[in-house]
Amino acid sequence: MSGLPIISADQRMAEQRGIKGVILGPSGIGKTSLLWSVDPNSTLFFDLEAGDLAVEGWPGDTIRPRTWDECRNFAVFIGGPNPALRDDQHYSQAHYNAVLQKYGDPGVMAKYQSIFVDSITVAGRLCFQWCKGQPQAFSEKTGKPDLRGAYGLHGQEMIAWITHLQHTRGKNVWFVGILDEKTDDFNRRYYTPQIEGSKTGLELPGIVDQVISMVEVKPEEGPSYRAFICQTLNPWGYPAKDRSGRLTMVEEPHLGRLMEKIHQPGKPAAERLSFERPEKVTEAAPATGAPVDMAMNTGA
């Protein structure tokens, strides 16, 4: 007799879960070289940039997709089919079956615990190149190219690709991308992933578990150094997120040890979420909007 498919806490905690994250950093900071910090026997290098000079001699396995179709085929081969999709959709059971006929036994992926995708920036370019040739990228009235349609399709395609890899529960998947520094109309500095279109960059942090900025930190005294910025609340404004609750604001730029730390037993909620109210806060008055000093009640 079948019942409600409830997953117990013991079953959930016993499941093998992979980490899904994105590492963003400026060009030349050493993102690709992070491969040297992971186990080459259990890591598959998803090389989109053909920039493996930085890891020349790294003894791990590599795949080199050159088209967007190959990117999607590898994604469904790695992650399996999505049973919620129709047969005419990518990542469906029909797509998976077709890919198996092309690539063979999916058991070859069993040896890999981590997939290192370098880079999501280039994946976005391949996707956009493909989108510009699709019917949605042309005006129905004039038949001329319509970039709005191309960008709309691009956002859908990229989010579907990233989401499918995100649901590959048993493997770690790390996307690497370029971090751009920009200024707004008020000359305020901010950081954003370098990806075609805006939809992917905006939604990516909400899909993955970890958002890490790999940057150069310049202390007031002493030489600068490279580091992972891992927490949303950081004084530099770098994009960062730690869904595990196990990372400090600044971690050493070593991907292997970072994953070991994330896989450690979780901290209690009281330790993960802290709140310290300042002794004196300035807030806006409800009626006038004028600043009002609100001193904390100390019981005196």
Protein backbone atom coordinates (compact mmCIF):
# COMPACT_ATOMS: atom_id res chain seq x y z
CA MET A 1 0.00 0.00 0.00
CA SER A 2 1.49 3.29 -1.08
CA GLY A 3 1.28 6.27 1.22
CA LEU A 4 2.25 9.89 1.31
CA PRO A 5 5.91 10.04 0.16
CA ILE A 6 7.22 11.79 3.27
CA ILE A 7 11.00 11.82 3.67
CA SER A 8 11.91 11.45 7.32
CA ALA A 9 14.55 13.59 8.98
CA ASP A 10 16.86 10.57 9.30
CA GLN A 11 16.47 9.74 5.61
CA ARG A 12 17.07 13.34 4.59
CA MET A 13 20.20 13.68 6.71
CA ALA A 14 21.54 10.35 5.39
CA GLU A 15 21.23 11.48 1.77
CA GLN A 16 24.36 12.29 -0.15
CA ARG A 17 24.05 15.96 -1.01
CA GLY A 18 26.24 17.95 -3.32
CA ILE A 19 27.18 21.60 -3.05
CA LYS A 20 26.04 23.92 -5.81
CA GLY A 21 27.90 27.21 -5.97
CA VAL A 22 29.28 29.98 -8.12
CA ILE A 23 32.71 31.55 -7.73
CA LEU A 24 32.99 35.06 -9.15
CA GLY A 25 36.18 37.03 -9.52
CA PRO A 26 38.05 39.43 -11.80
CA SER A 27 40.08 38.05 -14.69
CA GLY A 28 43.46 36.73 -13.64
CA ILE A 29 42.65 36.29 -9.95
CA GLY A 30 43.19 32.51 -10.20
CA LYS A 31 39.70 31.04 -10.51
CA THR A 32 40.66 28.27 -12.95
CA SER A 33 43.71 27.44 -10.82
CA LEU A 34 41.32 26.37 -8.05
CA LEU A 35 41.30 23.00 -9.83
CA TRP A 36 44.68 22.36 -8.21
CA SER A 37 42.95 22.44 -4.80
CA VAL A 38 40.46 19.62 -5.53
CA ASP A 39 40.85 15.87 -5.98
CA PRO A 40 41.61 15.26 -9.70
CA ASN A 41 40.38 11.66 -9.52
CA SER A 42 36.82 12.71 -8.59
CA THR A 43 36.53 16.06 -10.43
CA LEU A 44 35.39 16.64 -14.02
CA PHE A 45 36.63 19.85 -15.65
CA PHE A 46 33.83 21.36 -17.80
CA ASP A 47 36.17 23.48 -19.93
CA LEU A 48 34.26 26.12 -21.90
CA GLU A 49 36.98 28.74 -22.10
CA ALA A 50 39.75 26.59 -23.59
CA GLY A 51 41.78 28.34 -20.91
CA ASP A 52 43.42 25.31 -19.38
CA LEU A 53 46.94 26.77 -19.60
CA ALA A 54 46.54 27.70 -15.93
CA VAL A 55 46.05 24.03 -15.08
CA GLU A 56 48.48 22.51 -17.57
CA GLY A 57 49.58 19.25 -16.02
CA TRP A 58 46.46 18.89 -13.85
CA PRO A 59 45.78 15.12 -13.99
CA GLY A 60 41.96 15.23 -13.98
CA ASP A 61 39.45 14.50 -16.76
CA THR A 62 38.04 17.22 -19.04
CA ILE A 63 35.12 17.75 -21.42
CA ARG A 64 35.11 20.64 -23.91
CA PRO A 65 31.65 21.57 -25.22
CA ARG A 66 31.79 23.99 -28.15
CA THR A 67 28.07 24.64 -28.71
CA TRP A 68 24.99 25.33 -26.62
CA ASP A 69 23.47 22.01 -27.71
CA GLU A 70 26.50 20.21 -26.27
CA CYS A 71 26.16 22.17 -23.01
CA ARG A 72 22.55 21.02 -22.65
CA ASN A 73 23.41 17.44 -23.61
CA PHE A 74 26.17 17.25 -21.00
CA ALA A 75 23.85 18.76 -18.37
CA VAL A 76 21.17 16.10 -18.86
CA PHE A 77 23.82 13.36 -19.07
CA ILE A 78 25.27 14.51 -15.74
CA GLY A 79 22.00 15.26 -13.96
CA GLY A 80 19.59 12.76 -15.50
CA PRO A 81 16.09 13.54 -16.82
CA ASN A 82 13.51 15.86 -15.29
CA PRO A 83 10.25 13.82 -15.05
CA ALA A 84 8.15 16.99 -14.96
CA LEU A 85 9.02 17.96 -18.55
CA ARG A 86 7.31 16.98 -21.80
CA ASP A 87 9.12 14.82 -24.34
CA ASP A 88 9.56 17.80 -26.67
CA GLN A 89 11.47 19.77 -24.01
CA HIS A 90 15.16 19.72 -23.23
CA TYR A 91 16.17 17.81 -20.07
CA SER A 92 13.12 15.52 -20.46
CA GLN A 93 13.20 11.72 -20.48
CA ALA A 94 13.20 11.77 -24.29
CA HIS A 95 16.16 14.16 -24.36
CA TYR A 96 17.99 11.98 -21.84
CA ASN A 97 17.36 8.83 -23.91
CA ALA A 98 18.68 10.53 -27.05
CA VAL A 99 21.82 11.66 -25.21
CA LEU A 100 22.42 8.13 -23.88
CA GLN A 101 22.42 6.83 -27.45
CA LYS A 102 25.09 9.39 -28.27
CA TYR A 103 27.31 9.24 -25.16
CA GLY A 104 26.69 5.70 -23.90
CA ASP A 105 26.48 4.39 -20.35
CA PRO A 106 25.81 7.17 -17.77
CA GLY A 107 27.65 5.05 -15.22
CA VAL A 108 30.89 6.66 -16.37
CA MET A 109 29.83 9.71 -14.33
CA ALA A 110 29.77 7.74 -11.07
CA LYS A 111 33.47 8.41 -10.39
CA TYR A 112 32.99 12.17 -10.37
CA GLN A 113 31.89 13.87 -7.16
CA SER A 114 32.49 17.41 -8.43
CA ILE A 115 31.84 19.22 -11.73
CA PHE A 116 33.91 22.38 -12.27
CA VAL A 117 32.26 24.59 -14.93
CA ASP A 118 34.65 27.20 -16.31
CA SER A 119 33.03 29.47 -17.09
CA ILE A 120 29.39 30.49 -16.82
CA THR A 121 30.38 33.69 -18.64
CA VAL A 122 31.33 31.72 -21.77
CA ALA A 123 28.27 29.47 -21.38
CA GLY A 124 26.15 32.62 -21.54
CA ARG A 125 27.85 33.67 -24.78
CA LEU A 126 27.29 30.26 -26.39
CA CYS A 127 23.67 30.35 -25.30
CA PHE A 128 23.11 33.85 -26.68
CA GLN A 129 24.71 32.92 -30.01
CA TRP A 130 22.25 30.01 -30.27
CA CYS A 131 19.30 32.19 -29.22
CA LYS A 132 19.99 34.75 -31.95
CA GLY A 133 19.24 32.08 -34.57
CA GLN A 134 15.91 30.96 -33.10
CA PRO A 135 12.44 32.11 -34.33
CA GLN A 136 11.86 34.06 -31.09
CA ALA A 137 14.79 36.31 -32.04
CA PHE A 138 13.01 37.66 -35.12
CA SER A 139 10.06 40.02 -35.42
CA GLU A 140 6.84 38.34 -36.59
CA LYS A 141 5.85 41.47 -38.50
CA THR A 142 9.08 42.43 -40.24
CA GLY A 143 11.20 39.29 -40.01
CA LYS A 144 14.13 41.38 -38.80
CA PRO A 145 16.25 40.43 -35.78
CA ASP A 146 14.64 41.30 -32.45
CA LEU A 147 17.20 41.45 -29.64
CA ARG A 148 14.47 41.65 -27.00
CA GLY A 149 13.19 38.25 -28.08
CA ALA A 150 16.73 36.86 -28.17
CA TYR A 151 17.48 38.10 -24.65
CA GLY A 152 14.17 36.76 -23.36
CA LEU A 153 14.93 33.31 -24.74
CA HIS A 154 18.49 33.53 -23.45
CA GLY A 155 17.30 34.14 -19.90
CA GLN A 156 14.95 31.15 -20.05
CA GLU A 157 17.62 28.85 -21.49
CA MET A 158 20.34 29.81 -19.01
CA ILE A 159 18.08 29.51 -15.96
CA ALA A 160 16.82 26.09 -17.15
CA TRP A 161 20.42 24.88 -17.65
CA ILE A 162 21.64 26.12 -14.26
CA THR A 163 18.53 24.81 -12.47
CA HIS A 164 18.94 21.35 -14.00
CA LEU A 165 22.53 21.13 -12.78
CA GLN A 166 21.41 22.49 -9.39
CA HIS A 167 19.09 19.48 -9.01
CA THR A 168 21.94 17.00 -9.48
CA ARG A 169 21.76 16.06 -5.80
CA GLY A 170 24.67 13.67 -5.50
CA LYS A 171 27.39 15.89 -7.00
CA ASN A 172 29.11 19.17 -6.27
CA VAL A 173 28.70 21.62 -9.13
CA TRP A 174 30.78 24.80 -9.17
CA PHE A 175 30.23 27.51 -11.76
CA VAL A 176 33.06 29.96 -12.30
CA GLY A 177 32.43 33.43 -13.71
CA ILE A 178 33.94 36.86 -14.19
CA LEU A 179 33.03 39.57 -11.67
CA ASP A 180 32.58 43.05 -13.13
CA GLU A 181 33.03 46.25 -11.15
CA LYS A 182 30.67 49.04 -12.24
CA THR A 183 29.40 52.42 -11.06
CA ASP A 184 25.81 53.65 -11.05
CA ASP A 185 24.43 57.08 -11.94
CA PHE A 186 25.49 58.39 -8.54
CA ASN A 187 29.07 57.14 -8.99
CA ARG A 188 28.54 54.40 -6.43
CA ARG A 189 30.53 51.23 -6.99
CA TYR A 190 28.83 47.86 -7.27
CA TYR A 191 29.69 44.36 -8.50
CA THR A 192 27.83 42.09 -10.89
CA PRO A 193 28.49 38.78 -12.70
CA GLN A 194 29.62 39.17 -16.31
CA ILE A 195 26.84 37.25 -18.10
CA GLU A 196 24.89 38.13 -21.24
CA GLY A 197 21.55 39.71 -20.37
CA SER A 198 20.31 40.60 -16.90
CA LYS A 199 17.98 37.74 -15.99
CA THR A 200 20.70 35.15 -15.35
CA GLY A 201 22.82 37.46 -13.23
CA LEU A 202 19.83 38.47 -11.12
CA GLU A 203 18.44 34.97 -10.55
CA LEU A 204 21.68 33.00 -10.25
CA PRO A 205 22.31 33.84 -6.55
CA GLY A 206 18.85 32.54 -5.66
CA ILE A 207 19.39 29.20 -7.42
CA VAL A 208 22.76 28.05 -6.09
CA ASP A 209 23.66 27.28 -2.47
CA GLN A 210 26.88 29.24 -2.30
CA VAL A 211 27.95 32.51 -3.90
CA ILE A 212 31.66 33.16 -3.42
CA SER A 213 33.61 36.22 -4.53
CA MET A 214 37.29 35.46 -5.10
CA VAL A 215 39.01 38.83 -4.82
CA GLU A 216 42.12 40.67 -3.75
CA VAL A 217 41.86 41.98 -0.20
CA LYS A 218 44.01 44.99 0.66
CA PRO A 219 44.47 45.41 4.42
CA GLU A 220 45.46 48.73 5.96
CA GLU A 221 48.81 47.23 6.84
CA GLY A 222 50.75 44.49 5.11
CA PRO A 223 50.57 43.07 1.59
CA SER A 224 47.34 42.30 -0.25
CA TYR A 225 46.16 38.71 -0.55
CA ARG A 226 43.57 36.64 -2.42
CA ALA A 227 40.56 35.39 -0.48
CA PHE A 228 37.05 33.99 -0.71
CA ILE A 229 34.34 36.39 0.47
CA CYS A 230 31.51 34.14 1.64
CA GLN A 231 28.90 36.13 3.56
CA THR A 232 26.27 38.53 2.22
CA LEU A 233 27.00 41.12 4.90
CA ASN A 234 30.54 42.13 4.01
CA PRO A 235 32.06 45.64 4.11
CA TRP A 236 33.17 45.59 0.46
CA GLY A 237 29.79 44.94 -1.12
CA TYR A 238 30.93 41.80 -2.97
CA PRO A 239 28.19 39.34 -4.00
CA ALA A 240 28.25 36.45 -1.53
CA LYS A 241 25.91 33.94 0.09
CA ASP A 242 26.43 30.99 2.43
CA ARG A 243 23.39 28.73 2.64
CA SER A 244 25.32 26.22 4.77
CA GLY A 245 25.92 28.65 7.64
CA ARG A 246 29.37 27.13 8.19
CA LEU A 247 31.64 29.68 6.53
CA THR A 248 33.18 32.83 7.94
CA MET A 249 33.16 36.10 6.02
CA VAL A 250 36.69 35.56 4.68
CA GLU A 251 37.99 32.09 3.81
CA GLU A 252 41.23 30.95 2.22
CA PRO A 253 41.00 30.47 -1.58
CA HIS A 254 41.18 26.68 -1.45
CA LEU A 255 38.12 24.98 -2.94
CA GLY A 256 38.88 21.55 -1.51
CA ARG A 257 39.07 22.75 2.08
CA LEU A 258 36.05 25.01 1.54
CA MET A 259 33.92 22.00 0.55
CA GLU A 260 35.20 20.03 3.54
CA LYS A 261 34.10 22.87 5.81
CA ILE A 262 30.66 23.09 4.19
CA HIS A 263 30.15 19.34 4.70
CA GLN A 264 30.84 19.58 8.43
CA PRO A 265 27.91 19.19 10.87
CA GLY A 266 25.60 22.20 10.79
CA LYS A 267 25.53 24.88 13.44
CA PRO A 268 22.43 25.50 15.59
CA ALA A 269 20.16 28.28 14.38
CA ALA A 270 21.13 30.49 17.32
CA GLU A 271 24.75 30.45 16.12
CA ARG A 272 23.94 30.90 12.45
CA LEU A 273 21.68 33.93 12.85
CA SER A 274 22.97 36.64 15.18
CA PHE A 275 21.42 40.00 16.00
CA GLU A 276 23.02 42.83 17.94
CA ARG A 277 20.99 46.01 18.21
CA PRO A 278 23.08 49.19 18.53
CA GLU A 279 22.74 51.09 21.79
CA LYS A 280 21.44 54.09 19.85
CA VAL A 281 19.62 53.94 16.51
CA THR A 282 18.34 56.64 14.19
CA GLU A 283 14.97 55.85 12.63
CA ALA A 284 12.42 57.81 10.61
CA ALA A 285 9.34 59.14 12.38
CA PRO A 286 6.19 57.45 11.04
CA ALA A 287 4.31 60.67 10.30
CA THR A 288 6.86 63.19 9.07
CA GLY A 289 9.79 61.08 7.96
CA ALA A 290 12.13 63.27 10.04
CA PRO A 291 15.03 61.51 11.79
CA VAL A 292 14.36 60.59 15.39
CA ASP A 293 16.88 59.32 17.94
CA MET A 294 15.67 56.19 19.65
CA ALA A 295 17.72 55.24 22.70
CA MET A 296 17.38 51.70 23.90
CA ASN A 297 15.47 51.14 27.12
CA THR A 298 18.01 49.93 29.64
CA GLY A 299 15.49 49.56 32.45
CA ALA A 300 16.91 52.53 34.35
